[in-house]
């Protein structure tokens, strides 16, 4: 081979090795990039999972108080955004339907990066119903002196006529003899149930149209006040004087107590939550009216006693019990009393204290208490529409998981 040919051959060898080197380098770069994408994709999945777990906690234990908007979980869809420092961002929505859906997007290295990698995860969650009976207690239930429990469905209009139904179930989780007492012409248009070993004592002139069973195992978890309410500064006493009127608009409020004097009116406009922190949280005079206006909701959290009596009228505009909820943390005796010719459309959940409905009080909705007493012509008309309302204080269960 002459000198020129040797040079050409050497040049070709150099080109071949250069091409091989470039291929090796390119392959290394591509493998590194693929490994980085795989790592980022895995990281984005875990960041999305972190968002799911954060919202799951909010839904299970904080009644969505840390989400936007920070009203209760049952007040529409929510969102939450966060960052795992050094890992990435999550953006989560809670679609608050009858089977709530949590959708989380994990972004690595961040949601604003032009080279972000994202993974999307969704889970469905569920909770037991908070009001599965017209009356339910952890312990004693007493119905006497012409007490009545029946049902209707507010989705089909007001109580009356063809909307008087026979699913006014009464239950207790108690397991002792006579844990439910029905006497003196009391009527239950529905079923009666106790915990295992519990019995029903029937007396003079009582009527039960449904079945009697003893298989209950229903938990009634304690009320947890959302952090968005506990963190507020107190505004003192919510007071409305004789024949006066006051309106609370959309938002959260914290008071030591509420005093509604004779002939006064408290109007609720928008989605309102009130937290009452005193020992005697709510007292009312004669002929008091608490209006939950059309399209509005009122949720009351109370640490003390509530005495609603003397011709008080509650939520008589919409007449939809789901729009008025009372949650009591009180653990002393006689925490919730509704007496003396009042009319109330609400759900009352007071698992740590006694609830009494008596003296011609007409109650539309559902009642949960440590004990429940219904007598002296007191009536509970269970709203069957409440069966779809989940217990915000019960732990949620993740029923499905998938990427989307």
Protein backbone atom coordinates (compact mmCIF):
# COMPACT_ATOMS: atom_id res chain seq x y z
CA UNK A 1 0.00 0.00 0.00
CA UNK A 2 1.46 3.38 -0.95
CA UNK A 3 1.68 6.30 1.42
CA UNK A 4 -1.47 7.97 0.15
CA UNK A 5 -3.48 4.80 0.59
CA UNK A 6 -2.22 4.41 4.13
CA UNK A 7 -3.35 7.89 5.00
CA UNK A 8 -6.82 7.26 3.58
CA UNK A 9 -7.08 3.95 5.40
CA UNK A 10 -6.02 5.55 8.67
CA UNK A 11 -8.55 8.33 8.16
CA UNK A 12 -11.32 5.77 7.58
CA UNK A 13 -10.32 3.91 10.75
CA UNK A 14 -10.47 7.18 12.66
CA UNK A 15 -13.94 7.90 11.22
CA UNK A 16 -15.16 4.45 12.22
CA UNK A 17 -13.90 4.81 15.79
CA UNK A 18 -15.27 8.35 15.96
CA UNK A 19 -18.66 7.10 14.83
CA UNK A 20 -18.54 4.28 17.37
CA UNK A 21 -17.52 6.69 20.08
CA UNK A 22 -20.31 9.09 19.16
CA UNK A 23 -22.79 6.22 19.17
CA UNK A 24 -21.58 5.11 22.57
CA UNK A 25 -21.80 8.64 23.92
CA UNK A 26 -25.26 9.14 22.37
CA UNK A 27 -26.43 5.85 23.81
CA UNK A 28 -25.09 6.82 27.22
CA UNK A 29 -26.83 10.17 26.98
CA UNK A 30 -30.09 8.55 25.90
CA UNK A 31 -29.85 5.95 28.65
CA UNK A 32 -29.16 8.66 31.19
CA UNK A 33 -32.11 10.67 29.87
CA UNK A 34 -34.33 7.59 29.94
CA UNK A 35 -33.21 6.81 33.47
CA UNK A 36 -33.92 10.42 34.45
CA UNK A 37 -37.39 10.27 32.89
CA UNK A 38 -38.09 6.98 34.65
CA UNK A 39 -36.86 8.42 37.93
CA UNK A 40 -38.90 11.60 37.46
CA UNK A 41 -41.96 9.60 36.43
CA UNK A 42 -41.67 7.43 39.54
CA UNK A 43 -41.13 10.56 41.62
CA UNK A 44 -44.17 12.23 40.05
CA UNK A 45 -46.29 9.19 40.94
CA UNK A 46 -45.21 9.38 44.58
CA UNK A 47 -45.76 13.12 44.68
CA UNK A 48 -49.27 12.58 43.30
CA UNK A 49 -49.79 9.92 45.98
CA UNK A 50 -48.65 12.42 48.62
CA UNK A 51 -51.35 14.81 47.38
CA UNK A 52 -53.95 12.04 47.61
CA UNK A 53 -52.92 11.24 51.17
CA UNK A 54 -53.04 14.91 52.18
CA UNK A 55 -56.58 15.35 50.85
CA UNK A 56 -57.60 11.97 52.28
CA UNK A 57 -56.51 13.28 55.70
CA UNK A 58 -58.40 16.54 55.16
CA UNK A 59 -61.51 14.62 54.18
CA UNK A 60 -61.24 12.04 56.98
CA UNK A 61 -60.11 14.15 59.92
CA UNK A 62 -60.33 17.89 59.23
CA UNK A 63 -63.67 18.20 57.39
CA UNK A 64 -61.76 19.82 54.49
CA UNK A 65 -60.79 22.80 56.65
CA UNK A 66 -57.37 23.09 54.99
CA UNK A 67 -58.72 23.04 51.44
CA UNK A 68 -60.06 25.78 49.15
CA UNK A 69 -62.72 26.88 49.82
CA UNK A 70 -62.31 26.00 53.49
CA UNK A 71 -65.95 25.19 54.16
CA UNK A 72 -67.10 21.75 55.23
CA UNK A 73 -66.49 18.77 52.97
CA UNK A 74 -70.17 18.62 52.05
CA UNK A 75 -70.21 22.13 50.61
CA UNK A 76 -69.07 21.60 47.03
CA UNK A 77 -65.83 20.72 45.26
CA UNK A 78 -62.45 21.57 46.83
CA UNK A 79 -58.85 22.00 45.75
CA UNK A 80 -55.45 21.85 47.39
CA UNK A 81 -51.94 22.59 46.08
CA UNK A 82 -48.67 21.75 47.79
CA UNK A 83 -44.95 21.13 47.39
CA UNK A 84 -42.69 18.33 48.56
CA UNK A 85 -39.42 20.20 48.93
CA UNK A 86 -36.74 18.66 46.75
CA UNK A 87 -39.21 16.41 44.95
CA UNK A 88 -42.06 18.21 43.20
CA UNK A 89 -45.55 19.71 43.38
CA UNK A 90 -49.03 18.25 43.71
CA UNK A 91 -52.34 19.75 42.64
CA UNK A 92 -55.40 17.96 43.96
CA UNK A 93 -59.15 18.32 43.51
CA UNK A 94 -61.91 16.73 45.55
CA UNK A 95 -65.04 16.13 43.51
CA UNK A 96 -67.53 16.02 46.35
CA UNK A 97 -70.27 13.86 44.87
CA UNK A 98 -72.13 11.03 46.60
CA UNK A 99 -68.98 8.92 46.00
CA UNK A 100 -66.25 11.54 46.45
CA UNK A 101 -63.39 11.41 43.94
CA UNK A 102 -59.87 12.63 44.72
CA UNK A 103 -57.78 13.49 41.63
CA UNK A 104 -54.11 14.35 42.12
CA UNK A 105 -51.47 15.53 39.61
CA UNK A 106 -47.83 15.08 40.64
CA UNK A 107 -45.29 17.29 38.82
CA UNK A 108 -41.48 16.79 38.89
CA UNK A 109 -39.39 18.90 39.25
CA UNK A 110 -42.26 21.44 39.57
CA UNK A 111 -45.61 22.34 38.08
CA UNK A 112 -44.08 25.40 36.35
CA UNK A 113 -41.11 23.63 34.74
CA UNK A 114 -41.05 23.44 30.95
CA UNK A 115 -39.55 19.94 31.27
CA UNK A 116 -41.88 18.64 33.95
CA UNK A 117 -42.95 15.03 34.16
CA UNK A 118 -46.46 14.41 35.47
CA UNK A 119 -48.45 11.45 36.78
CA UNK A 120 -52.15 11.53 37.55
CA UNK A 121 -53.83 9.44 40.23
CA UNK A 122 -57.47 9.23 41.29
CA UNK A 123 -59.17 7.44 44.17
CA UNK A 124 -62.77 7.16 45.28
CA UNK A 125 -63.54 7.40 48.98
CA UNK A 126 -66.62 6.68 51.04
CA UNK A 127 -67.93 7.09 54.56
CA UNK A 128 -70.87 5.59 56.44
CA UNK A 129 -74.05 7.65 56.56
CA UNK A 130 -74.32 10.02 59.50
CA UNK A 131 -78.12 9.81 59.65
CA UNK A 132 -79.22 6.27 58.80
CA UNK A 133 -82.13 6.36 61.26
CA UNK A 134 -84.70 8.85 62.39
CA UNK A 135 -83.40 8.42 65.95
CA UNK A 136 -80.18 6.70 66.96
CA UNK A 137 -78.33 6.61 70.29
CA UNK A 138 -75.25 4.98 71.73
CA UNK A 139 -77.35 4.06 74.75
CA UNK A 140 -80.88 4.60 76.02
CA UNK A 141 -83.76 5.60 73.75
CA UNK A 142 -87.09 6.48 75.38
CA UNK A 143 -90.33 7.21 73.53
CA UNK A 144 -93.47 7.93 75.51
CA UNK A 145 -96.59 10.07 75.92
CA UNK A 146 -97.85 10.11 72.32
CA UNK A 147 -94.39 10.42 70.78
CA UNK A 148 -94.27 9.76 67.03
CA UNK A 149 -91.48 8.77 64.65
CA UNK A 150 -92.21 8.39 60.95
CA UNK A 151 -90.51 9.55 57.72
CA UNK A 152 -90.81 11.53 54.52
CA UNK A 153 -88.43 12.56 51.74
CA UNK A 154 -87.68 16.27 51.36
CA UNK A 155 -86.54 15.59 47.78
CA UNK A 156 -90.21 15.02 47.01
CA UNK A 157 -91.51 18.09 48.80
CA UNK A 158 -92.74 18.91 52.27
CA UNK A 159 -94.00 16.43 54.83
CA UNK A 160 -97.65 15.54 54.41
CA UNK A 161 -100.17 13.67 52.25
CA UNK A 162 -98.50 11.04 50.06
CA UNK A 163 -95.14 12.17 51.46
CA UNK A 164 -95.76 10.60 54.86
CA UNK A 165 -93.70 7.40 54.81
CA UNK A 166 -92.99 4.48 57.10
CA UNK A 167 -89.19 4.38 57.43
CA UNK A 168 -88.85 6.27 60.69
CA UNK A 169 -86.39 3.75 62.08
CA UNK A 170 -85.24 3.95 65.70
CA UNK A 171 -81.98 2.38 66.83
CA UNK A 172 -79.47 2.02 69.63
CA UNK A 173 -76.03 0.50 69.80
CA UNK A 174 -76.76 -0.54 73.40
CA UNK A 175 -76.54 -4.17 74.43
CA UNK A 176 -78.52 -4.26 77.66
CA UNK A 177 -82.10 -5.22 78.46
CA UNK A 178 -84.61 -2.42 77.96
CA UNK A 179 -82.12 -0.21 76.09
CA UNK A 180 -85.09 1.05 74.04
CA UNK A 181 -88.33 1.86 75.87
CA UNK A 182 -91.58 2.50 73.97
CA UNK A 183 -94.56 3.35 76.16
CA UNK A 184 -97.69 5.45 76.68
CA UNK A 185 -99.11 5.48 73.15
CA UNK A 186 -95.81 6.09 71.40
CA UNK A 187 -95.76 5.19 67.69
CA UNK A 188 -92.84 4.14 65.49
CA UNK A 189 -93.62 3.96 61.80
CA UNK A 190 -90.54 1.91 61.01
CA UNK A 191 -88.08 -0.62 62.41
CA UNK A 192 -86.49 -0.79 65.86
CA UNK A 193 -82.98 -2.14 66.41
CA UNK A 194 -80.44 -2.58 69.22
CA UNK A 195 -76.94 -3.91 69.64
CA UNK A 196 -76.42 -7.64 70.29
CA UNK A 197 -78.16 -8.60 73.52
CA UNK A 198 -80.17 -5.38 73.67
CA UNK A 199 -83.92 -5.62 74.07
CA UNK A 200 -86.94 -3.40 73.49
CA UNK A 201 -89.38 -2.78 76.32
CA UNK A 202 -92.91 -2.18 75.04
CA UNK A 203 -95.59 -0.70 77.24
CA UNK A 204 -99.05 0.78 77.24
CA UNK A 205 -100.56 1.47 73.82
CA UNK A 206 -97.33 1.49 71.83
CA UNK A 207 -97.18 0.81 68.07
CA UNK A 208 -94.27 -0.50 66.00
CA UNK A 209 -95.09 -1.05 62.34
CA UNK A 210 -91.74 -2.59 61.34
CA UNK A 211 -89.41 -5.26 62.65
CA UNK A 212 -87.37 -5.53 65.84
CA UNK A 213 -83.75 -6.70 65.61
CA UNK A 214 -80.59 -6.80 67.74
CA UNK A 215 -77.60 -6.79 65.39
CA UNK A 216 -76.42 -3.16 65.43
CA UNK A 217 -72.71 -2.42 65.38
CA UNK A 218 -72.75 1.24 64.41
CA UNK A 219 -70.01 3.59 65.55
CA UNK A 220 -70.80 7.22 66.36
CA UNK A 221 -67.42 8.98 66.34
CA UNK A 222 -66.91 12.18 68.28
CA UNK A 223 -67.32 15.56 66.63
CA UNK A 224 -64.10 17.20 65.46
CA UNK A 225 -64.33 20.94 64.89
CA UNK A 226 -62.50 21.96 61.68
CA UNK A 227 -59.19 23.76 62.17
CA UNK A 228 -60.45 26.65 60.06
CA UNK A 229 -62.96 27.35 62.85
CA UNK A 230 -60.84 26.62 65.91
CA UNK A 231 -58.15 28.94 64.58
CA UNK A 232 -60.48 31.95 64.43
CA UNK A 233 -60.49 34.68 67.07
CA UNK A 234 -63.71 34.78 69.07
CA UNK A 235 -66.18 37.58 68.40
CA UNK A 236 -67.73 37.26 71.85
CA UNK A 237 -71.49 36.79 72.09
CA UNK A 238 -73.77 36.64 69.07
CA UNK A 239 -76.70 38.63 70.42
CA UNK A 240 -80.01 39.64 68.88
CA UNK A 241 -82.27 41.76 71.11
CA UNK A 242 -86.04 41.69 71.55
CA UNK A 243 -87.81 41.79 68.16
CA UNK A 244 -84.45 42.52 66.53
CA UNK A 245 -82.96 41.06 63.38
CA UNK A 246 -79.46 40.11 62.32
CA UNK A 247 -78.03 38.54 59.15
CA UNK A 248 -74.92 36.40 58.86
CA UNK A 249 -73.52 36.21 55.33
CA UNK A 250 -71.32 33.57 53.74
CA UNK A 251 -68.34 32.63 55.92
CA UNK A 252 -67.02 31.23 59.20
CA UNK A 253 -67.81 32.69 62.64
CA UNK A 254 -66.62 31.94 66.17
CA UNK A 255 -68.48 33.05 69.30
CA UNK A 256 -68.44 32.15 72.97
CA UNK A 257 -72.25 31.93 72.92
CA UNK A 258 -75.41 33.05 71.14
CA UNK A 259 -78.43 34.75 72.74
CA UNK A 260 -81.61 35.24 70.73
CA UNK A 261 -84.15 37.28 72.67
CA UNK A 262 -87.97 37.37 72.44
CA UNK A 263 -89.28 37.80 68.92
CA UNK A 264 -85.82 38.05 67.38
CA UNK A 265 -84.81 36.79 63.94
CA UNK A 266 -81.43 35.48 62.81
CA UNK A 267 -81.08 35.22 59.03
CA UNK A 268 -78.49 33.01 57.34
CA UNK A 269 -77.41 34.07 53.85
CA UNK A 270 -74.86 31.90 52.04
CA UNK A 271 -72.88 28.97 53.41
CA UNK A 272 -72.32 29.79 57.09
CA UNK A 273 -70.45 27.88 59.78
CA UNK A 274 -70.66 28.93 63.43
CA UNK A 275 -68.47 27.64 66.25
CA UNK A 276 -69.83 28.24 69.78
CA UNK A 277 -67.25 27.65 72.50
CA UNK A 278 -69.01 28.49 75.78
CA UNK A 279 -70.65 26.32 78.43
CA UNK A 280 -74.20 27.50 77.64
CA UNK A 281 -73.84 28.12 73.96
CA UNK A 282 -77.30 28.98 72.71
CA UNK A 283 -80.29 30.32 74.62
CA UNK A 284 -83.51 31.53 73.07
CA UNK A 285 -86.45 33.61 74.18
CA UNK A 286 -90.04 33.28 73.05
CA UNK A 287 -91.05 33.16 69.37
CA UNK A 288 -87.52 33.23 67.97
CA UNK A 289 -86.97 32.56 64.26
CA UNK A 290 -83.76 31.23 62.69
CA UNK A 291 -84.08 31.52 58.93
CA UNK A 292 -81.77 29.59 56.60
CA UNK A 293 -82.50 31.46 53.41
CA UNK A 294 -83.02 29.83 50.03
CA UNK A 295 -79.72 28.46 48.71
CA UNK A 296 -78.00 28.92 52.09
CA UNK A 297 -76.69 26.40 54.61
CA UNK A 298 -75.91 26.62 58.31
CA UNK A 299 -73.59 24.33 60.24
CA UNK A 300 -73.29 24.88 64.00
CA UNK A 301 -70.48 23.37 66.06
CA UNK A 302 -71.05 23.66 69.78
CA UNK A 303 -68.88 22.86 72.80
CA UNK A 304 -71.67 23.57 75.30
CA UNK A 305 -75.41 23.11 75.71
CA UNK A 306 -78.16 24.13 73.30
CA UNK A 307 -81.65 24.89 74.58
CA UNK A 308 -84.08 25.55 71.74
CA UNK A 309 -87.55 26.12 73.13
CA UNK A 310 -90.63 28.34 73.45
CA UNK A 311 -92.09 28.41 69.95
CA UNK A 312 -88.74 28.67 68.19
CA UNK A 313 -88.81 28.14 64.42
CA UNK A 314 -85.65 26.85 62.71
CA UNK A 315 -85.01 26.59 58.97
CA UNK A 316 -88.64 27.06 57.98
CA UNK A 317 -87.92 28.74 54.63
CA UNK A 318 -86.31 25.93 52.63
CA UNK A 319 -87.62 23.20 54.99
CA UNK A 320 -84.65 21.06 53.91
CA UNK A 321 -82.99 19.44 56.93
CA UNK A 322 -79.67 18.95 55.12
CA UNK A 323 -79.31 22.74 55.02
CA UNK A 324 -79.11 22.98 58.83
CA UNK A 325 -76.71 20.78 60.78
CA UNK A 326 -75.93 20.89 64.51
CA UNK A 327 -72.77 19.10 65.69
CA UNK A 328 -72.11 18.93 69.43
CA UNK A 329 -68.80 18.11 71.14
CA UNK A 330 -70.48 18.36 74.56
CA UNK A 331 -70.09 15.36 76.87
CA UNK A 332 -72.12 16.46 79.90
CA UNK A 333 -75.79 15.79 80.55
CA UNK A 334 -78.72 17.29 78.61
CA UNK A 335 -76.66 18.84 75.84
CA UNK A 336 -79.42 19.43 73.28
CA UNK A 337 -83.03 20.23 74.21
CA UNK A 338 -85.83 21.05 71.77
CA UNK A 339 -89.11 21.71 73.57
CA UNK A 340 -92.31 23.72 73.81
CA UNK A 341 -94.04 23.96 70.44
CA UNK A 342 -90.96 24.55 68.32
CA UNK A 343 -90.52 23.52 64.69
CA UNK A 344 -87.08 22.50 63.46
CA UNK A 345 -85.75 21.26 60.12
CA UNK A 346 -82.23 19.97 60.80
CA UNK A 347 -79.88 17.15 61.50
CA UNK A 348 -78.61 16.92 65.10
CA UNK A 349 -75.46 14.90 65.79
CA UNK A 350 -74.52 14.90 69.47
CA UNK A 351 -72.92 11.51 70.22
CA UNK A 352 -71.54 12.52 73.61
CA UNK A 353 -74.65 13.97 75.25
CA UNK A 354 -78.39 13.58 75.83
CA UNK A 355 -80.88 14.87 73.27
CA UNK A 356 -84.51 15.58 74.15
CA UNK A 357 -87.39 16.42 71.80
CA UNK A 358 -90.62 17.04 73.72
CA UNK A 359 -93.69 19.15 74.48
CA UNK A 360 -95.29 19.38 71.03
CA UNK A 361 -91.99 19.96 69.26
CA UNK A 362 -92.08 19.05 65.59
CA UNK A 363 -88.66 17.94 64.37
CA UNK A 364 -87.96 17.19 60.68
CA UNK A 365 -84.63 15.53 59.94
CA UNK A 366 -82.71 13.10 62.15
CA UNK A 367 -81.27 12.89 65.67
CA UNK A 368 -78.16 11.13 66.98
CA UNK A 369 -77.27 11.32 70.67
CA UNK A 370 -75.64 9.50 73.53
CA UNK A 371 -79.23 9.05 74.73
CA UNK A 372 -82.42 10.28 73.06
CA UNK A 373 -85.75 11.05 74.71
CA UNK A 374 -88.93 11.78 72.77
CA UNK A 375 -92.10 12.43 74.75
CA UNK A 376 -95.11 14.69 75.45
CA UNK A 377 -96.34 14.76 71.84
CA UNK A 378 -92.84 15.26 70.48
CA UNK A 379 -92.48 14.17 66.86
CA UNK A 380 -89.50 13.22 64.72
CA UNK A 381 -90.19 13.03 61.00
CA UNK A 382 -87.10 11.40 59.52
CA UNK A 383 -85.99 12.90 56.21
CA UNK A 384 -84.95 9.95 54.05
CA UNK A 385 -82.94 12.31 51.84
CA UNK A 386 -80.35 12.37 54.66
CA UNK A 387 -79.39 8.74 53.98
CA UNK A 388 -76.90 9.99 51.34
CA UNK A 389 -75.19 12.36 53.79
CA UNK A 390 -71.82 10.94 54.88
CA UNK A 391 -70.53 11.20 58.43
CA UNK A 392 -67.78 13.87 58.29
CA UNK A 393 -66.25 12.52 61.52
CA UNK A 394 -65.94 8.89 60.46
CA UNK A 395 -62.78 7.63 58.83
CA UNK A 396 -63.08 7.51 55.07
CA UNK A 397 -62.36 4.29 53.19
CA UNK A 398 -60.50 4.29 49.85
CA UNK A 399 -62.60 2.05 47.66
CA UNK A 400 -60.72 2.33 44.34
CA UNK A 401 -57.38 3.56 42.93
CA UNK A 402 -56.19 4.13 39.39
CA UNK A 403 -54.07 6.33 37.17
CA UNK A 404 -55.91 8.49 34.69
